[in-house]
Amino acid sequence: MRKTPLLLGVTLLVTAAASFGAANLLLRNATPATRTVVAPPLPGGVALGDPTPRFVADSKAMAVAAIDGTAWDPMNRALINLARRYQGYPYKAFSLDGSEKEQLLLDLTHFDCFLFVEQLLALANSRKVDTQTEGVERFAAHVRQLRYENGEVDYCRRQHYFSRWAEAAERNGYVVNLTPFLPGATSREQALNYMSNHAASYKPMQLARNRQCISELEKDLVVTQAYVPLAALPGVLPSLRTGDIFALVTKVPGLDVTHVGYLETTDGKVDAIHSAEGEGVIRSENFEKYAAQVQDVIGVAIYRPRPNEETPERPKPEG
């Protein structure tokens, strides 16, 4: 990655746990830290999914309440307040794979770790609008852009690997990958082919068309992944802030990340709020200790959400 002189200077400030002003400069000027991998053409040339938003159970009303309840929060506070809102909600794996046809599914009633991060980021980017209906429409649009390459609702265009999801989110202005600029950071070349090698574990991969397109994508899919080794994590903690997204980098062959969530910092403490298998949405105190206990984890990656540029200032009271 080519670094501008300004970015180099800001990097030094961020790695030294400098002011929020320095971090904001990084947010405005950073360029994507990972390379773009172009997906192969869709089999048959057309998307097979349904882009019409489908809200599970009371998720539409829940989205309205979440957007309204965090309307005037800064982005980082909005995200952690949303995360707290859903503490105790149940975990559900493969919730997007319940239908034969890919759908734009919006579900705030239960989460896996990936959907927890994705949908909360979409909610936080849907706030401070003129009507509640518009806010919900924005929520659906943000989920679609985050979840699918080029917004094409199709299993073959879903961002199945977190590093690719994050690269697209960075390219589209949602986050900045802080990882390469953190103390002790390193990188690796990682082949992503877990789905192709474990096709039987994925219900949609039983369809020959989906199996074909995923195998074609993963045939030469190698990403450059920055991460902070676990041993270097203590030196990174002062640079983290509330609302940052963490990703646990794994040594499992064919995978990049096995778990993601949000961080909350309080008086020097760094905790995680995330959706964990068998537990649902929980708070794990002492992020450093928690990360070290997760099987096969070799380090962490950190992404900082960008401010919502479309949000107006809070109206001043009359009189």
C-alpha atoms as a PDB file:
ATOM      1  CA  MET A   1       0.000   0.000   0.000  1.00  0.00           C
ATOM      2  CA  ARG A   2       1.284   3.447  -0.934  1.00  0.00           C
ATOM      3  CA  LYS A   3       1.250   5.860   2.017  1.00  0.00           C
ATOM      4  CA  THR A   4       1.015   9.607   1.615  1.00  0.00           C
ATOM      5  CA  PRO A   5       3.192  11.827   3.858  1.00  0.00           C
ATOM      6  CA  LEU A   6       0.058  12.943   5.697  1.00  0.00           C
ATOM      7  CA  LEU A   7      -0.994   9.343   6.320  1.00  0.00           C
ATOM      8  CA  LEU A   8       2.468   8.464   7.624  1.00  0.00           C
ATOM      9  CA  GLY A   9       2.299  11.322  10.106  1.00  0.00           C
ATOM     10  CA  VAL A  10      -1.187  10.415  11.229  1.00  0.00           C
ATOM     11  CA  THR A  11      -0.135   6.783  11.591  1.00  0.00           C
ATOM     12  CA  LEU A  12       2.463   7.749  14.165  1.00  0.00           C
ATOM     13  CA  LEU A  13      -0.154   9.635  16.130  1.00  0.00           C
ATOM     14  CA  VAL A  14      -2.656   6.796  16.055  1.00  0.00           C
ATOM     15  CA  THR A  15      -0.142   4.159  17.094  1.00  0.00           C
ATOM     16  CA  ALA A  16       0.814   6.333  20.026  1.00  0.00           C
ATOM     17  CA  ALA A  17      -2.840   6.440  21.143  1.00  0.00           C
ATOM     18  CA  ALA A  18      -3.111  10.099  20.251  1.00  0.00           C
ATOM     19  CA  SER A  19      -6.166  12.332  20.248  1.00  0.00           C
ATOM     20  CA  PHE A  20      -9.467  11.621  18.537  1.00  0.00           C
ATOM     21  CA  GLY A  21      -8.605  14.463  16.158  1.00  0.00           C
ATOM     22  CA  ALA A  22      -5.623  12.524  14.829  1.00  0.00           C
ATOM     23  CA  ALA A  23      -7.730   9.394  14.442  1.00  0.00           C
ATOM     24  CA  ASN A  24     -10.321  11.391  12.523  1.00  0.00           C
ATOM     25  CA  LEU A  25      -7.636  12.611  10.136  1.00  0.00           C
ATOM     26  CA  LEU A  26      -6.764   8.984   9.461  1.00  0.00           C
ATOM     27  CA  LEU A  27     -10.423   8.218   8.789  1.00  0.00           C
ATOM     28  CA  ARG A  28     -10.611  10.997   6.196  1.00  0.00           C
ATOM     29  CA  ASN A  29      -7.357  10.250   4.391  1.00  0.00           C
ATOM     30  CA  ALA A  30      -6.703   6.522   4.629  1.00  0.00           C
ATOM     31  CA  THR A  31      -6.943   4.404   1.503  1.00  0.00           C
ATOM     32  CA  PRO A  32      -7.972   0.735   1.504  1.00  0.00           C
ATOM     33  CA  ALA A  33      -5.284  -1.475   3.044  1.00  0.00           C
ATOM     34  CA  THR A  34      -6.294  -4.676   1.260  1.00  0.00           C
ATOM     35  CA  ARG A  35      -6.414  -5.459  -2.426  1.00  0.00           C
ATOM     36  CA  THR A  36      -9.635  -5.897  -4.359  1.00  0.00           C
ATOM     37  CA  VAL A  37     -10.422  -9.383  -5.649  1.00  0.00           C
ATOM     38  CA  VAL A  38     -12.890  -9.377  -8.540  1.00  0.00           C
ATOM     39  CA  ALA A  39     -15.452 -12.151  -8.469  1.00  0.00           C
ATOM     40  CA  PRO A  40     -15.939 -14.228 -11.637  1.00  0.00           C
ATOM     41  CA  PRO A  41     -19.082 -13.742 -13.736  1.00  0.00           C
ATOM     42  CA  LEU A  42     -22.279 -15.202 -12.336  1.00  0.00           C
ATOM     43  CA  PRO A  43     -23.290 -18.558 -13.823  1.00  0.00           C
ATOM     44  CA  GLY A  44     -25.834 -17.752 -16.490  1.00  0.00           C
ATOM     45  CA  GLY A  45     -24.963 -14.076 -16.224  1.00  0.00           C
ATOM     46  CA  VAL A  46     -27.819 -13.092 -13.900  1.00  0.00           C
ATOM     47  CA  ALA A  47     -28.382 -12.914 -10.150  1.00  0.00           C
ATOM     48  CA  LEU A  48     -30.812 -15.496  -8.798  1.00  0.00           C
ATOM     49  CA  GLY A  49     -31.633 -13.779  -5.512  1.00  0.00           C
ATOM     50  CA  ASP A  50     -34.543 -11.572  -4.486  1.00  0.00           C
ATOM     51  CA  PRO A  51     -33.455  -8.000  -3.596  1.00  0.00           C
ATOM     52  CA  THR A  52     -36.791  -7.198  -1.911  1.00  0.00           C
ATOM     53  CA  PRO A  53     -36.108  -6.668   1.816  1.00  0.00           C
ATOM     54  CA  ARG A  54     -37.585  -9.397   4.010  1.00  0.00           C
ATOM     55  CA  PHE A  55     -37.853  -8.506   7.699  1.00  0.00           C
ATOM     56  CA  VAL A  56     -37.924 -11.457  10.085  1.00  0.00           C
ATOM     57  CA  ALA A  57     -40.641 -11.287  12.790  1.00  0.00           C
ATOM     58  CA  ASP A  58     -40.583  -7.817  14.448  1.00  0.00           C
ATOM     59  CA  SER A  59     -37.270  -6.758  12.901  1.00  0.00           C
ATOM     60  CA  LYS A  60     -38.770  -3.825  10.996  1.00  0.00           C
ATOM     61  CA  ALA A  61     -40.196  -2.253  14.141  1.00  0.00           C
ATOM     62  CA  MET A  62     -36.977  -3.049  15.968  1.00  0.00           C
ATOM     63  CA  ALA A  63     -34.990  -1.258  13.261  1.00  0.00           C
ATOM     64  CA  VAL A  64     -37.189   1.831  13.605  1.00  0.00           C
ATOM     65  CA  ALA A  65     -36.676   1.844  17.388  1.00  0.00           C
ATOM     66  CA  ALA A  66     -32.916   1.335  17.053  1.00  0.00           C
ATOM     67  CA  ILE A  67     -32.540   4.145  14.519  1.00  0.00           C
ATOM     68  CA  ASP A  68     -34.638   6.488  16.644  1.00  0.00           C
ATOM     69  CA  GLY A  69     -32.924   5.484  19.897  1.00  0.00           C
ATOM     70  CA  THR A  70     -29.416   6.336  18.628  1.00  0.00           C
ATOM     71  CA  ALA A  71     -30.393   9.250  16.417  1.00  0.00           C
ATOM     72  CA  TRP A  72     -28.015  11.832  17.884  1.00  0.00           C
ATOM     73  CA  ASP A  73     -25.127   9.640  19.010  1.00  0.00           C
ATOM     74  CA  PRO A  74     -21.691   9.933  17.407  1.00  0.00           C
ATOM     75  CA  MET A  75     -20.988   6.901  15.237  1.00  0.00           C
ATOM     76  CA  ASN A  76     -18.817   5.066  17.763  1.00  0.00           C
ATOM     77  CA  ARG A  77     -21.297   5.626  20.617  1.00  0.00           C
ATOM     78  CA  ALA A  78     -24.227   4.667  18.399  1.00  0.00           C
ATOM     79  CA  LEU A  79     -22.617   1.335  17.588  1.00  0.00           C
ATOM     80  CA  ILE A  80     -21.883   0.398  21.168  1.00  0.00           C
ATOM     81  CA  ASN A  81     -25.338   1.556  22.310  1.00  0.00           C
ATOM     82  CA  LEU A  82     -26.838  -0.654  19.608  1.00  0.00           C
ATOM     83  CA  ALA A  83     -24.643  -3.548  20.739  1.00  0.00           C
ATOM     84  CA  ARG A  84     -25.843  -3.095  24.317  1.00  0.00           C
ATOM     85  CA  ARG A  85     -29.443  -2.964  23.082  1.00  0.00           C
ATOM     86  CA  TYR A  86     -29.159  -6.511  21.767  1.00  0.00           C
ATOM     87  CA  GLN A  87     -27.271  -8.075  24.675  1.00  0.00           C
ATOM     88  CA  GLY A  88     -28.983 -11.312  25.610  1.00  0.00           C
ATOM     89  CA  TYR A  89     -30.410 -11.933  22.134  1.00  0.00           C
ATOM     90  CA  PRO A  90     -29.893 -15.491  20.875  1.00  0.00           C
ATOM     91  CA  TYR A  91     -27.274 -16.810  18.480  1.00  0.00           C
ATOM     92  CA  LYS A  92     -28.275 -18.504  15.236  1.00  0.00           C
ATOM     93  CA  ALA A  93     -25.876 -19.905  12.641  1.00  0.00           C
ATOM     94  CA  PHE A  94     -26.548 -20.038   8.888  1.00  0.00           C
ATOM     95  CA  SER A  95     -29.650 -17.862   9.248  1.00  0.00           C
ATOM     96  CA  LEU A  96     -29.271 -16.577   5.677  1.00  0.00           C
ATOM     97  CA  ASP A  97     -29.312 -20.101   4.248  1.00  0.00           C
ATOM     98  CA  GLY A  98     -32.852 -21.150   5.132  1.00  0.00           C
ATOM     99  CA  SER A  99     -34.339 -20.579   1.694  1.00  0.00           C
ATOM    100  CA  GLU A 100     -33.496 -22.132  -1.665  1.00  0.00           C
ATOM    101  CA  LYS A 101     -33.389 -18.643  -3.160  1.00  0.00           C
ATOM    102  CA  GLU A 102     -31.059 -15.972  -1.794  1.00  0.00           C
ATOM    103  CA  GLN A 103     -33.049 -13.173  -0.130  1.00  0.00           C
ATOM    104  CA  LEU A 104     -32.207  -9.781   1.327  1.00  0.00           C
ATOM    105  CA  LEU A 105     -32.912 -10.994   4.853  1.00  0.00           C
ATOM    106  CA  LEU A 106     -33.026  -8.500   7.741  1.00  0.00           C
ATOM    107  CA  ASP A 107     -33.141 -10.133  11.145  1.00  0.00           C
ATOM    108  CA  LEU A 108     -32.692  -8.314  14.456  1.00  0.00           C
ATOM    109  CA  THR A 109     -34.181 -11.130  16.531  1.00  0.00           C
ATOM    110  CA  HIS A 110     -31.055 -13.314  16.581  1.00  0.00           C
ATOM    111  CA  PHE A 111     -27.523 -13.078  15.173  1.00  0.00           C
ATOM    112  CA  ASP A 112     -24.373 -14.873  14.279  1.00  0.00           C
ATOM    113  CA  CYS A 113     -21.229 -12.819  14.896  1.00  0.00           C
ATOM    114  CA  PHE A 114     -20.918 -11.633  11.290  1.00  0.00           C
ATOM    115  CA  LEU A 115     -24.534 -10.475  10.955  1.00  0.00           C
ATOM    116  CA  PHE A 116     -24.312  -8.765  14.345  1.00  0.00           C
ATOM    117  CA  VAL A 117     -21.482  -6.536  13.095  1.00  0.00           C
ATOM    118  CA  GLU A 118     -22.980  -6.021   9.652  1.00  0.00           C
ATOM    119  CA  GLN A 119     -26.523  -5.091  10.642  1.00  0.00           C
ATOM    120  CA  LEU A 120     -25.484  -2.792  13.494  1.00  0.00           C
ATOM    121  CA  LEU A 121     -23.144  -0.948  11.143  1.00  0.00           C
ATOM    122  CA  ALA A 122     -26.027  -0.608   8.673  1.00  0.00           C
ATOM    123  CA  LEU A 123     -28.350   0.700  11.402  1.00  0.00           C
ATOM    124  CA  ALA A 124     -25.811   3.263  12.552  1.00  0.00           C
ATOM    125  CA  ASN A 125     -25.523   4.559   8.984  1.00  0.00           C
ATOM    126  CA  SER A 126     -29.316   4.880   8.657  1.00  0.00           C
ATOM    127  CA  ARG A 127     -29.941   7.477  11.384  1.00  0.00           C
ATOM    128  CA  LYS A 128     -31.143  11.076  11.577  1.00  0.00           C
ATOM    129  CA  VAL A 129     -33.474  11.048   8.613  1.00  0.00           C
ATOM    130  CA  ASP A 130     -36.721  12.897   8.040  1.00  0.00           C
ATOM    131  CA  THR A 131     -39.073   9.927   8.426  1.00  0.00           C
ATOM    132  CA  GLN A 132     -38.856   6.530  10.106  1.00  0.00           C
ATOM    133  CA  THR A 133     -39.807   4.807   6.838  1.00  0.00           C
ATOM    134  CA  GLU A 134     -36.855   6.380   5.081  1.00  0.00           C
ATOM    135  CA  GLY A 135     -34.578   5.209   7.875  1.00  0.00           C
ATOM    136  CA  VAL A 136     -35.733   1.611   7.432  1.00  0.00           C
ATOM    137  CA  GLU A 137     -35.266   1.892   3.677  1.00  0.00           C
ATOM    138  CA  ARG A 138     -31.736   3.112   4.242  1.00  0.00           C
ATOM    139  CA  PHE A 139     -31.086   0.240   6.632  1.00  0.00           C
ATOM    140  CA  ALA A 140     -32.066  -2.282   3.955  1.00  0.00           C
ATOM    141  CA  ALA A 141     -29.955  -0.486   1.352  1.00  0.00           C
ATOM    142  CA  HIS A 142     -26.886  -0.417   3.608  1.00  0.00           C
ATOM    143  CA  VAL A 143     -27.219  -4.124   4.440  1.00  0.00           C
ATOM    144  CA  ARG A 144     -27.474  -4.894   0.729  1.00  0.00           C
ATOM    145  CA  GLN A 145     -24.343  -2.900  -0.067  1.00  0.00           C
ATOM    146  CA  LEU A 146     -22.383  -4.394   2.826  1.00  0.00           C
ATOM    147  CA  ARG A 147     -23.470  -7.989   2.331  1.00  0.00           C
ATOM    148  CA  TYR A 148     -23.230  -8.369  -1.440  1.00  0.00           C
ATOM    149  CA  GLU A 149     -20.587  -7.477  -3.970  1.00  0.00           C
ATOM    150  CA  ASN A 150     -21.929  -4.629  -6.117  1.00  0.00           C
ATOM    151  CA  GLY A 151     -25.252  -5.013  -4.284  1.00  0.00           C
ATOM    152  CA  GLU A 152     -26.173  -8.104  -6.338  1.00  0.00           C
ATOM    153  CA  VAL A 153     -28.358 -10.313  -4.143  1.00  0.00           C
ATOM    154  CA  ASP A 154     -27.017 -13.745  -4.996  1.00  0.00           C
ATOM    155  CA  TYR A 155     -25.291 -16.464  -2.974  1.00  0.00           C
ATOM    156  CA  CYS A 156     -22.328 -16.180  -5.329  1.00  0.00           C
ATOM    157  CA  ARG A 157     -22.039 -12.459  -4.592  1.00  0.00           C
ATOM    158  CA  ARG A 158     -22.444 -12.675  -0.814  1.00  0.00           C
ATOM    159  CA  GLN A 159     -19.310 -11.637   1.103  1.00  0.00           C
ATOM    160  CA  HIS A 160     -18.657 -14.974   2.797  1.00  0.00           C
ATOM    161  CA  TYR A 161     -15.161 -14.128   4.092  1.00  0.00           C
ATOM    162  CA  PHE A 162     -14.792 -11.277   6.566  1.00  0.00           C
ATOM    163  CA  SER A 163     -11.582  -9.869   5.088  1.00  0.00           C
ATOM    164  CA  ARG A 164     -13.324  -9.482   1.717  1.00  0.00           C
ATOM    165  CA  TRP A 165     -16.395  -7.993   3.417  1.00  0.00           C
ATOM    166  CA  ALA A 166     -14.177  -5.496   5.237  1.00  0.00           C
ATOM    167  CA  GLU A 167     -12.240  -4.599   2.097  1.00  0.00           C
ATOM    168  CA  ALA A 168     -15.506  -3.801   0.310  1.00  0.00           C
ATOM    169  CA  ALA A 169     -16.810  -1.896   3.351  1.00  0.00           C
ATOM    170  CA  GLU A 170     -13.617   0.153   3.362  1.00  0.00           C
ATOM    171  CA  ARG A 171     -13.858   0.809  -0.366  1.00  0.00           C
ATOM    172  CA  ASN A 172     -17.476   1.955   0.054  1.00  0.00           C
ATOM    173  CA  GLY A 173     -16.665   4.330   2.916  1.00  0.00           C
ATOM    174  CA  TYR A 174     -18.006   2.446   5.934  1.00  0.00           C
ATOM    175  CA  VAL A 175     -14.776   1.605   7.775  1.00  0.00           C
ATOM    176  CA  VAL A 176     -11.014   2.088   7.798  1.00  0.00           C
ATOM    177  CA  ASN A 177      -8.687  -0.842   8.379  1.00  0.00           C
ATOM    178  CA  LEU A 178      -6.454   0.443  11.184  1.00  0.00           C
ATOM    179  CA  THR A 179      -4.549  -2.827  11.485  1.00  0.00           C
ATOM    180  CA  PRO A 180      -1.520  -2.047   9.276  1.00  0.00           C
ATOM    181  CA  PHE A 181      -0.829   1.120  11.281  1.00  0.00           C
ATOM    182  CA  LEU A 182      -0.957  -0.426  14.752  1.00  0.00           C
ATOM    183  CA  PRO A 183       2.156  -1.262  16.816  1.00  0.00           C
ATOM    184  CA  GLY A 184       3.535  -4.721  16.099  1.00  0.00           C
ATOM    185  CA  ALA A 185       1.308  -5.336  13.074  1.00  0.00           C
ATOM    186  CA  THR A 186       2.404  -7.877  10.488  1.00  0.00           C
ATOM    187  CA  SER A 187       0.733  -9.471   7.460  1.00  0.00           C
ATOM    188  CA  ARG A 188       0.351 -12.786   5.708  1.00  0.00           C
ATOM    189  CA  GLU A 189      -0.751 -14.136   2.354  1.00  0.00           C
ATOM    190  CA  GLN A 190      -3.768 -16.333   3.019  1.00  0.00           C
ATOM    191  CA  ALA A 191      -5.591 -18.565   0.550  1.00  0.00           C
ATOM    192  CA  LEU A 192      -9.354 -18.506   1.101  1.00  0.00           C
ATOM    193  CA  ASN A 193     -10.815 -21.834   0.043  1.00  0.00           C
ATOM    194  CA  TYR A 194     -12.540 -23.186   3.132  1.00  0.00           C
ATOM    195  CA  MET A 195     -15.998 -23.259   1.537  1.00  0.00           C
ATOM    196  CA  SER A 196     -14.816 -25.163  -1.515  1.00  0.00           C
ATOM    197  CA  ASN A 197     -13.071 -27.699   0.696  1.00  0.00           C
ATOM    198  CA  HIS A 198     -16.079 -28.083   3.027  1.00  0.00           C
ATOM    199  CA  ALA A 199     -18.977 -27.772   0.597  1.00  0.00           C
ATOM    200  CA  ALA A 200     -21.048 -30.344   2.483  1.00  0.00           C
ATOM    201  CA  SER A 201     -21.245 -27.944   5.458  1.00  0.00           C
ATOM    202  CA  TYR A 202     -23.156 -25.313   3.457  1.00  0.00           C
ATOM    203  CA  LYS A 203     -26.729 -26.020   2.383  1.00  0.00           C
ATOM    204  CA  PRO A 204     -26.696 -23.626  -0.632  1.00  0.00           C
ATOM    205  CA  MET A 205     -23.508 -25.324  -1.876  1.00  0.00           C
ATOM    206  CA  GLN A 206     -25.540 -28.437  -2.577  1.00  0.00           C
ATOM    207  CA  LEU A 207     -26.843 -26.558  -5.616  1.00  0.00           C
ATOM    208  CA  ALA A 208     -24.407 -27.240  -8.436  1.00  0.00           C
ATOM    209  CA  ARG A 209     -24.623 -23.682  -9.696  1.00  0.00           C
ATOM    210  CA  ASN A 210     -23.539 -22.223  -6.322  1.00  0.00           C
ATOM    211  CA  ARG A 211     -20.837 -24.830  -5.865  1.00  0.00           C
ATOM    212  CA  GLN A 212     -19.491 -23.969  -9.303  1.00  0.00           C
ATOM    213  CA  CYS A 213     -19.298 -20.223  -8.732  1.00  0.00           C
ATOM    214  CA  ILE A 214     -17.777 -20.462  -5.246  1.00  0.00           C
ATOM    215  CA  SER A 215     -15.182 -22.964  -6.479  1.00  0.00           C
ATOM    216  CA  GLU A 216     -14.336 -20.666  -9.363  1.00  0.00           C
ATOM    217  CA  LEU A 217     -13.958 -17.681  -7.020  1.00  0.00           C
ATOM    218  CA  GLU A 218     -11.750 -19.594  -4.579  1.00  0.00           C
ATOM    219  CA  LYS A 219      -9.575 -21.253  -7.213  1.00  0.00           C
ATOM    220  CA  ASP A 220      -6.903 -18.538  -6.938  1.00  0.00           C
ATOM    221  CA  LEU A 221      -8.296 -16.459  -4.066  1.00  0.00           C
ATOM    222  CA  VAL A 222      -5.351 -15.236  -1.997  1.00  0.00           C
ATOM    223  CA  VAL A 223      -5.599 -12.121   0.192  1.00  0.00           C
ATOM    224  CA  THR A 224      -2.979 -10.048   1.951  1.00  0.00           C
ATOM    225  CA  GLN A 225      -4.217  -9.932   5.530  1.00  0.00           C
ATOM    226  CA  ALA A 226      -2.803  -7.538   8.102  1.00  0.00           C
ATOM    227  CA  TYR A 227      -3.085  -8.544  11.749  1.00  0.00           C
ATOM    228  CA  VAL A 228      -1.627  -7.860  15.180  1.00  0.00           C
ATOM    229  CA  PRO A 229      -0.170 -11.042  16.727  1.00  0.00           C
ATOM    230  CA  LEU A 230      -1.576 -11.896  20.144  1.00  0.00           C
ATOM    231  CA  ALA A 231       1.798 -11.216  21.774  1.00  0.00           C
ATOM    232  CA  ALA A 232       1.700  -7.626  20.467  1.00  0.00           C
ATOM    233  CA  LEU A 233      -1.915  -6.949  21.476  1.00  0.00           C
ATOM    234  CA  PRO A 234      -1.090  -5.262  24.851  1.00  0.00           C
ATOM    235  CA  GLY A 235       0.750  -2.491  22.994  1.00  0.00           C
ATOM    236  CA  VAL A 236      -2.281  -1.903  20.768  1.00  0.00           C
ATOM    237  CA  LEU A 237      -4.954  -1.576  23.452  1.00  0.00           C
ATOM    238  CA  PRO A 238      -4.314   2.159  24.153  1.00  0.00           C
ATOM    239  CA  SER A 239      -4.998   2.900  20.459  1.00  0.00           C
ATOM    240  CA  LEU A 240      -8.444   1.286  20.478  1.00  0.00           C
ATOM    241  CA  ARG A 241     -11.695   3.089  21.103  1.00  0.00           C
ATOM    242  CA  THR A 242     -15.347   2.376  21.670  1.00  0.00           C
ATOM    243  CA  GLY A 243     -17.130   1.231  18.520  1.00  0.00           C
ATOM    244  CA  ASP A 244     -14.095  -0.320  16.839  1.00  0.00           C
ATOM    245  CA  ILE A 245     -14.729  -3.641  15.096  1.00  0.00           C
ATOM    246  CA  PHE A 246     -12.450  -6.531  15.984  1.00  0.00           C
ATOM    247  CA  ALA A 247     -11.791  -9.647  13.941  1.00  0.00           C
ATOM    248  CA  LEU A 248     -10.030 -12.715  15.339  1.00  0.00           C
ATOM    249  CA  VAL A 249      -7.508 -13.966  12.796  1.00  0.00           C
ATOM    250  CA  THR A 250      -7.194 -17.746  12.620  1.00  0.00           C
ATOM    251  CA  LYS A 251      -4.637 -20.356  11.629  1.00  0.00           C
ATOM    252  CA  VAL A 252      -7.362 -22.691  10.320  1.00  0.00           C
ATOM    253  CA  PRO A 253      -6.429 -23.574   6.710  1.00  0.00           C
ATOM    254  CA  GLY A 254      -8.529 -21.756   4.121  1.00  0.00           C
ATOM    255  CA  LEU A 255      -9.967 -19.225   6.577  1.00  0.00           C
ATOM    256  CA  ASP A 256      -9.081 -15.637   7.446  1.00  0.00           C
ATOM    257  CA  VAL A 257     -11.249 -14.850  10.477  1.00  0.00           C
ATOM    258  CA  THR A 258     -13.337 -16.986  12.836  1.00  0.00           C
ATOM    259  CA  HIS A 259     -15.085 -14.363  14.999  1.00  0.00           C
ATOM    260  CA  VAL A 260     -15.950 -10.645  14.974  1.00  0.00           C
ATOM    261  CA  GLY A 261     -17.621  -8.090  17.229  1.00  0.00           C
ATOM    262  CA  TYR A 262     -17.429  -4.592  18.712  1.00  0.00           C
ATOM    263  CA  LEU A 263     -15.116  -3.118  21.338  1.00  0.00           C
ATOM    264  CA  GLU A 264     -15.962  -0.820  24.239  1.00  0.00           C
ATOM    265  CA  THR A 265     -13.269   1.066  26.127  1.00  0.00           C
ATOM    266  CA  THR A 266     -13.843   2.413  29.640  1.00  0.00           C
ATOM    267  CA  ASP A 267     -11.108   3.914  31.839  1.00  0.00           C
ATOM    268  CA  GLY A 268      -8.390   1.960  30.081  1.00  0.00           C
ATOM    269  CA  LYS A 269     -10.371  -1.313  29.994  1.00  0.00           C
ATOM    270  CA  VAL A 270     -11.218  -2.886  26.643  1.00  0.00           C
ATOM    271  CA  ASP A 271     -14.211  -5.233  26.510  1.00  0.00           C
ATOM    272  CA  ALA A 272     -15.925  -7.001  23.618  1.00  0.00           C
ATOM    273  CA  ILE A 273     -19.630  -7.175  22.794  1.00  0.00           C
ATOM    274  CA  HIS A 274     -20.327  -9.915  20.279  1.00  0.00           C
ATOM    275  CA  SER A 275     -22.653 -12.761  19.345  1.00  0.00           C
ATOM    276  CA  ALA A 276     -21.107 -16.042  20.493  1.00  0.00           C
ATOM    277  CA  GLU A 277     -22.222 -19.534  19.567  1.00  0.00           C
ATOM    278  CA  GLY A 278     -24.147 -21.148  22.407  1.00  0.00           C
ATOM    279  CA  GLU A 279     -24.372 -17.864  24.353  1.00  0.00           C
ATOM    280  CA  GLY A 280     -25.936 -15.211  22.128  1.00  0.00           C
ATOM    281  CA  VAL A 281     -24.985 -11.544  22.354  1.00  0.00           C
ATOM    282  CA  ILE A 282     -22.678 -11.161  25.340  1.00  0.00           C
ATOM    283  CA  ARG A 283     -20.047  -8.889  26.831  1.00  0.00           C
ATOM    284  CA  SER A 284     -16.605 -10.438  27.267  1.00  0.00           C
ATOM    285  CA  GLU A 285     -14.529  -8.427  29.703  1.00  0.00           C
ATOM    286  CA  ASN A 286     -10.797  -8.026  29.082  1.00  0.00           C
ATOM    287  CA  PHE A 287     -10.552  -8.316  25.309  1.00  0.00           C
ATOM    288  CA  GLU A 288      -6.882  -9.302  25.425  1.00  0.00           C
ATOM    289  CA  LYS A 289      -7.601 -12.277  27.685  1.00  0.00           C
ATOM    290  CA  TYR A 290     -10.697 -13.254  25.728  1.00  0.00           C
ATOM    291  CA  ALA A 291      -8.897 -13.252  22.354  1.00  0.00           C
ATOM    292  CA  ALA A 292      -6.073 -15.398  23.706  1.00  0.00           C
ATOM    293  CA  GLN A 293      -8.532 -18.071  24.844  1.00  0.00           C
ATOM    294  CA  VAL A 294     -10.253 -18.590  21.488  1.00  0.00           C
ATOM    295  CA  GLN A 295      -9.056 -21.735  19.744  1.00  0.00           C
ATOM    296  CA  ASP A 296      -6.730 -21.354  16.737  1.00  0.00           C
ATOM    297  CA  VAL A 297      -6.535 -17.539  16.982  1.00  0.00           C
ATOM    298  CA  ILE A 298      -3.145 -16.049  16.081  1.00  0.00           C
ATOM    299  CA  GLY A 299      -3.985 -12.354  16.227  1.00  0.00           C
ATOM    300  CA  VAL A 300      -6.543  -9.619  15.672  1.00  0.00           C
ATOM    301  CA  ALA A 301      -7.511  -7.099  13.024  1.00  0.00           C
ATOM    302  CA  ILE A 302      -9.144  -3.777  13.905  1.00  0.00           C
ATOM    303  CA  TYR A 303     -11.505  -1.703  11.766  1.00  0.00           C
ATOM    304  CA  ARG A 304     -12.778   1.752  12.692  1.00  0.00           C
ATOM    305  CA  PRO A 305     -16.217   2.823  11.408  1.00  0.00           C
ATOM    306  CA  ARG A 306     -16.300   6.164   9.654  1.00  0.00           C
ATOM    307  CA  PRO A 307     -18.607   8.934  10.897  1.00  0.00           C
ATOM    308  CA  ASN A 308     -22.008   9.132   9.259  1.00  0.00           C
ATOM    309  CA  GLU A 309     -21.450  12.133   6.989  1.00  0.00           C
ATOM    310  CA  GLU A 310     -25.157  12.514   6.214  1.00  0.00           C
ATOM    311  CA  THR A 311     -26.307  13.187   9.763  1.00  0.00           C
ATOM    312  CA  PRO A 312     -27.442  16.738  10.595  1.00  0.00           C
ATOM    313  CA  GLU A 313     -26.714  18.502  13.847  1.00  0.00           C
ATOM    314  CA  ARG A 314     -29.113  18.065  16.745  1.00  0.00           C
ATOM    315  CA  PRO A 315     -31.741  20.840  16.526  1.00  0.00           C
ATOM    316  CA  LYS A 316     -31.384  23.510  19.189  1.00  0.00           C
ATOM    317  CA  PRO A 317     -34.290  23.962  21.624  1.00  0.00           C
ATOM    318  CA  GLU A 318     -36.504  26.956  21.026  1.00  0.00           C
ATOM    319  CA  GLY A 319     -36.535  29.900  23.422  1.00  0.00           C
END
